């Protein structure tokens, strides 16, 4: 199964873990941890907070190595959430 890349956290996810839109349809841009019921799960999160979150995940070995976290942090500015000028 091909994995998708969350346009908020930058991590890969499978179709099973797609976020949901307001109408509860599946959203292939965002994972379920970042996007639920048509809105981001953490509205106050900024790109710097996301970087800290990824590094913390790596420190606690939550399925992410430090190298993977650093590579993901590099792509964050290119992801849809962080390019947005307004919230959907």
N, C-alpha and C. Protein backbone atom coordinates (compact mmCIF):
# COMPACT_ATOMS: atom_id res chain seq x y z
N UNK A 1 0.84 -1.18 0.00
CA UNK A 1 0.00 0.00 0.00
C UNK A 1 0.90 1.25 0.00
N UNK A 2 0.62 2.16 -0.90
CA UNK A 2 1.40 3.39 -1.02
C UNK A 2 1.06 4.32 0.15
N UNK A 3 2.10 4.88 0.74
CA UNK A 3 1.85 5.81 1.84
C UNK A 3 1.72 7.23 1.30
N UNK A 4 1.02 8.03 2.05
CA UNK A 4 0.82 9.43 1.74
C UNK A 4 1.71 10.23 2.68
N UNK A 5 1.94 11.50 2.40
CA UNK A 5 2.71 12.35 3.29
C UNK A 5 1.79 13.43 3.83
N UNK A 6 1.71 13.52 5.14
CA UNK A 6 0.85 14.53 5.76
C UNK A 6 1.39 15.91 5.45
N UNK A 7 0.51 16.78 5.00
CA UNK A 7 0.88 18.14 4.62
C UNK A 7 0.88 19.09 5.82
N UNK A 8 0.88 18.51 7.03
CA UNK A 8 1.03 19.28 8.25
C UNK A 8 2.28 18.84 9.01
N UNK A 9 2.35 17.55 9.35
CA UNK A 9 3.50 17.06 10.13
C UNK A 9 4.63 16.51 9.26
N UNK A 10 4.35 16.22 8.00
CA UNK A 10 5.38 15.73 7.09
C UNK A 10 5.67 14.24 7.19
N UNK A 11 4.93 13.55 8.04
CA UNK A 11 5.17 12.12 8.23
C UNK A 11 4.32 11.30 7.26
N UNK A 12 4.82 10.13 6.87
CA UNK A 12 4.03 9.26 6.00
C UNK A 12 2.88 8.63 6.77
N UNK A 13 1.79 8.35 6.06
CA UNK A 13 0.65 7.66 6.66
C UNK A 13 -0.07 6.88 5.58
N UNK A 14 -0.80 5.86 5.99
CA UNK A 14 -1.53 5.02 5.04
C UNK A 14 -2.95 5.57 4.85
N UNK A 15 -3.62 5.09 3.82
CA UNK A 15 -4.99 5.54 3.54
C UNK A 15 -5.91 5.31 4.74
N UNK A 16 -5.60 4.29 5.52
CA UNK A 16 -6.40 3.96 6.71
C UNK A 16 -6.37 5.10 7.74
N UNK A 17 -5.30 5.88 7.76
CA UNK A 17 -5.13 6.93 8.75
C UNK A 17 -5.28 8.33 8.17
N UNK A 18 -6.07 8.45 7.09
CA UNK A 18 -6.34 9.77 6.50
C UNK A 18 -7.20 10.60 7.45
N UNK A 19 -6.98 11.91 7.44
CA UNK A 19 -7.82 12.81 8.22
C UNK A 19 -9.22 12.85 7.63
N UNK A 20 -10.11 13.55 8.32
CA UNK A 20 -11.50 13.61 7.85
C UNK A 20 -11.92 15.06 7.62
N UNK A 21 -12.75 15.25 6.60
CA UNK A 21 -13.33 16.55 6.29
C UNK A 21 -14.58 16.77 7.14
N UNK A 22 -15.18 17.96 7.04
CA UNK A 22 -16.40 18.27 7.82
C UNK A 22 -17.51 17.27 7.54
N UNK A 23 -17.62 16.81 6.29
CA UNK A 23 -18.67 15.86 5.94
C UNK A 23 -18.26 14.41 6.25
N UNK A 24 -17.15 14.25 6.97
CA UNK A 24 -16.58 12.97 7.39
C UNK A 24 -15.98 12.15 6.24
N UNK A 25 -15.90 12.75 5.04
CA UNK A 25 -15.17 12.08 3.96
C UNK A 25 -13.69 12.12 4.30
N UNK A 26 -12.92 11.25 3.68
CA UNK A 26 -11.50 11.15 3.97
C UNK A 26 -10.71 12.24 3.25
N UNK A 27 -9.67 12.73 3.90
CA UNK A 27 -8.81 13.76 3.35
C UNK A 27 -7.42 13.16 3.17
N UNK A 28 -6.94 13.11 1.96
CA UNK A 28 -5.65 12.50 1.68
C UNK A 28 -4.46 13.43 1.86
N UNK A 29 -4.70 14.69 2.19
CA UNK A 29 -3.61 15.64 2.41
C UNK A 29 -3.06 15.58 3.84
N UNK A 30 -3.92 15.22 4.78
CA UNK A 30 -3.53 15.27 6.19
C UNK A 30 -3.84 13.96 6.90
N UNK A 31 -2.97 13.62 7.86
CA UNK A 31 -3.20 12.40 8.66
C UNK A 31 -4.26 12.70 9.72
N UNK A 32 -4.79 11.63 10.28
CA UNK A 32 -5.83 11.73 11.30
C UNK A 32 -5.34 12.43 12.56
N UNK A 33 -4.04 12.35 12.85
CA UNK A 33 -3.50 13.03 14.03
C UNK A 33 -3.50 14.54 13.87
N UNK A 34 -3.43 15.02 12.63
CA UNK A 34 -3.34 16.46 12.38
C UNK A 34 -4.65 17.10 11.95
N UNK A 35 -5.57 16.33 11.37
CA UNK A 35 -6.77 16.91 10.76
C UNK A 35 -7.97 16.01 11.00
N UNK A 36 -8.99 16.55 11.67
CA UNK A 36 -10.18 15.76 11.99
C UNK A 36 -11.42 16.64 11.87
N UNK A 37 -12.46 16.11 11.24
CA UNK A 37 -13.73 16.82 11.08
C UNK A 37 -13.58 18.18 10.41
N UNK A 38 -12.65 18.25 9.45
CA UNK A 38 -12.50 19.47 8.65
C UNK A 38 -11.68 20.57 9.28
N UNK A 39 -10.96 20.25 10.34
CA UNK A 39 -10.15 21.28 11.00
C UNK A 39 -8.88 20.65 11.57
N UNK A 40 -7.86 21.47 11.76
CA UNK A 40 -6.63 20.97 12.36
C UNK A 40 -6.88 20.65 13.83
N UNK A 41 -6.28 19.57 14.30
CA UNK A 41 -6.50 19.14 15.69
C UNK A 41 -5.86 20.09 16.69
N UNK A 42 -4.84 20.81 16.28
CA UNK A 42 -4.20 21.80 17.16
C UNK A 42 -4.09 23.11 16.39
N UNK A 43 -5.04 24.01 16.62
CA UNK A 43 -5.09 25.28 15.88
C UNK A 43 -3.95 26.22 16.22
N UNK A 44 -3.43 26.14 17.44
CA UNK A 44 -2.39 27.06 17.88
C UNK A 44 -0.99 26.64 17.42
N UNK A 45 -0.88 25.44 16.89
CA UNK A 45 0.43 24.92 16.48
C UNK A 45 1.02 25.76 15.37
N UNK A 46 2.29 26.15 15.54
CA UNK A 46 2.98 26.84 14.46
C UNK A 46 4.12 25.94 13.99
N UNK A 47 4.82 26.37 12.97
CA UNK A 47 5.84 25.51 12.36
C UNK A 47 6.98 25.21 13.36
N UNK A 48 7.30 26.16 14.21
CA UNK A 48 8.35 25.93 15.21
C UNK A 48 7.90 24.88 16.23
N UNK A 49 6.63 24.93 16.61
CA UNK A 49 6.08 23.91 17.52
C UNK A 49 6.12 22.53 16.88
N UNK A 50 5.84 22.48 15.58
CA UNK A 50 5.86 21.20 14.87
C UNK A 50 7.28 20.64 14.85
N UNK A 51 8.26 21.50 14.65
CA UNK A 51 9.65 21.05 14.68
C UNK A 51 9.99 20.44 16.04
N UNK A 52 9.60 21.12 17.11
CA UNK A 52 9.84 20.62 18.47
C UNK A 52 9.13 19.29 18.69
N UNK A 53 7.90 19.18 18.18
CA UNK A 53 7.12 17.95 18.34
C UNK A 53 7.82 16.77 17.64
N UNK A 54 8.33 17.00 16.46
CA UNK A 54 9.02 15.94 15.72
C UNK A 54 10.30 15.51 16.45
N UNK A 55 11.05 16.47 16.96
CA UNK A 55 12.27 16.14 17.69
C UNK A 55 11.95 15.39 18.98
N UNK A 56 10.87 15.79 19.64
CA UNK A 56 10.45 15.10 20.86
C UNK A 56 10.04 13.65 20.55
N UNK A 57 9.34 13.46 19.45
CA UNK A 57 8.96 12.10 19.04
C UNK A 57 10.21 11.25 18.83
N UNK A 58 11.22 11.82 18.22
CA UNK A 58 12.46 11.09 17.97
C UNK A 58 13.18 10.76 19.28
N UNK A 59 13.17 11.69 20.21
CA UNK A 59 13.82 11.46 21.51
C UNK A 59 13.16 10.32 22.27
N UNK A 60 11.85 10.19 22.11
CA UNK A 60 11.10 9.15 22.81
C UNK A 60 10.93 7.89 21.97
N UNK A 61 11.60 7.85 20.82
CA UNK A 61 11.59 6.69 19.93
C UNK A 61 10.18 6.29 19.51
N UNK A 62 9.33 7.27 19.24
CA UNK A 62 7.96 7.02 18.81
C UNK A 62 7.90 6.70 17.32
N UNK A 63 8.70 5.72 16.89
CA UNK A 63 8.70 5.32 15.49
C UNK A 63 9.41 6.28 14.58
N UNK A 64 10.23 7.16 15.14
CA UNK A 64 10.90 8.19 14.36
C UNK A 64 12.33 8.34 14.90
N UNK A 65 13.30 8.25 14.02
CA UNK A 65 14.69 8.46 14.43
C UNK A 65 15.01 9.95 14.38
N UNK A 66 16.09 10.33 15.03
CA UNK A 66 16.51 11.73 15.01
C UNK A 66 16.80 12.19 13.58
N UNK A 67 17.43 11.33 12.80
CA UNK A 67 17.73 11.66 11.40
C UNK A 67 16.44 11.86 10.60
N UNK A 68 15.46 10.99 10.80
CA UNK A 68 14.18 11.14 10.10
C UNK A 68 13.49 12.43 10.51
N UNK A 69 13.54 12.74 11.79
CA UNK A 69 12.92 13.99 12.27
C UNK A 69 13.59 15.20 11.62
N UNK A 70 14.91 15.19 11.55
CA UNK A 70 15.63 16.31 10.95
C UNK A 70 15.31 16.44 9.47
N UNK A 71 15.19 15.33 8.76
CA UNK A 71 14.83 15.37 7.33
C UNK A 71 13.41 15.91 7.15
N UNK A 72 12.51 15.49 8.03
CA UNK A 72 11.12 15.95 7.96
C UNK A 72 11.04 17.45 8.23
N UNK A 73 11.79 17.92 9.21
CA UNK A 73 11.80 19.35 9.54
C UNK A 73 12.22 20.19 8.33
N UNK A 74 13.14 19.68 7.54
CA UNK A 74 13.60 20.40 6.35
C UNK A 74 12.49 20.62 5.33
N UNK A 75 11.51 19.69 5.25
CA UNK A 75 10.44 19.82 4.25
C UNK A 75 9.22 20.56 4.77
N UNK A 76 9.14 20.82 6.07
CA UNK A 76 7.95 21.47 6.63
C UNK A 76 7.56 22.75 5.90
N UNK A 77 8.49 23.66 5.59
CA UNK A 77 8.07 24.92 4.93
C UNK A 77 7.41 24.70 3.57
N UNK A 78 7.63 23.55 2.95
CA UNK A 78 7.04 23.28 1.64
C UNK A 78 5.68 22.59 1.71
N UNK A 79 5.23 22.24 2.91
CA UNK A 79 3.96 21.54 3.05
C UNK A 79 2.79 22.52 3.03
N UNK A 80 1.63 22.02 2.59
CA UNK A 80 0.45 22.88 2.40
C UNK A 80 0.07 23.68 3.63
N UNK A 81 0.08 23.04 4.80
CA UNK A 81 -0.36 23.77 6.00
C UNK A 81 0.51 25.00 6.26
N UNK A 82 1.78 24.88 6.07
CA UNK A 82 2.69 25.96 6.42
C UNK A 82 2.85 26.98 5.29
N UNK A 83 2.32 26.67 4.13
CA UNK A 83 2.29 27.63 3.02
C UNK A 83 1.00 28.44 3.05
N UNK A 84 0.02 27.97 3.82
CA UNK A 84 -1.30 28.59 3.81
C UNK A 84 -1.27 30.00 4.37
N UNK A 85 -2.04 30.89 3.77
CA UNK A 85 -2.13 32.24 4.28
C UNK A 85 -3.40 32.41 5.11
N UNK A 86 -4.26 31.39 5.08
CA UNK A 86 -5.49 31.41 5.90
C UNK A 86 -5.89 29.96 6.18
N UNK A 87 -6.68 29.79 7.18
CA UNK A 87 -7.17 28.46 7.55
C UNK A 87 -8.44 28.19 6.75
N UNK A 88 -8.54 26.97 6.25
CA UNK A 88 -9.73 26.59 5.46
C UNK A 88 -10.97 26.63 6.30
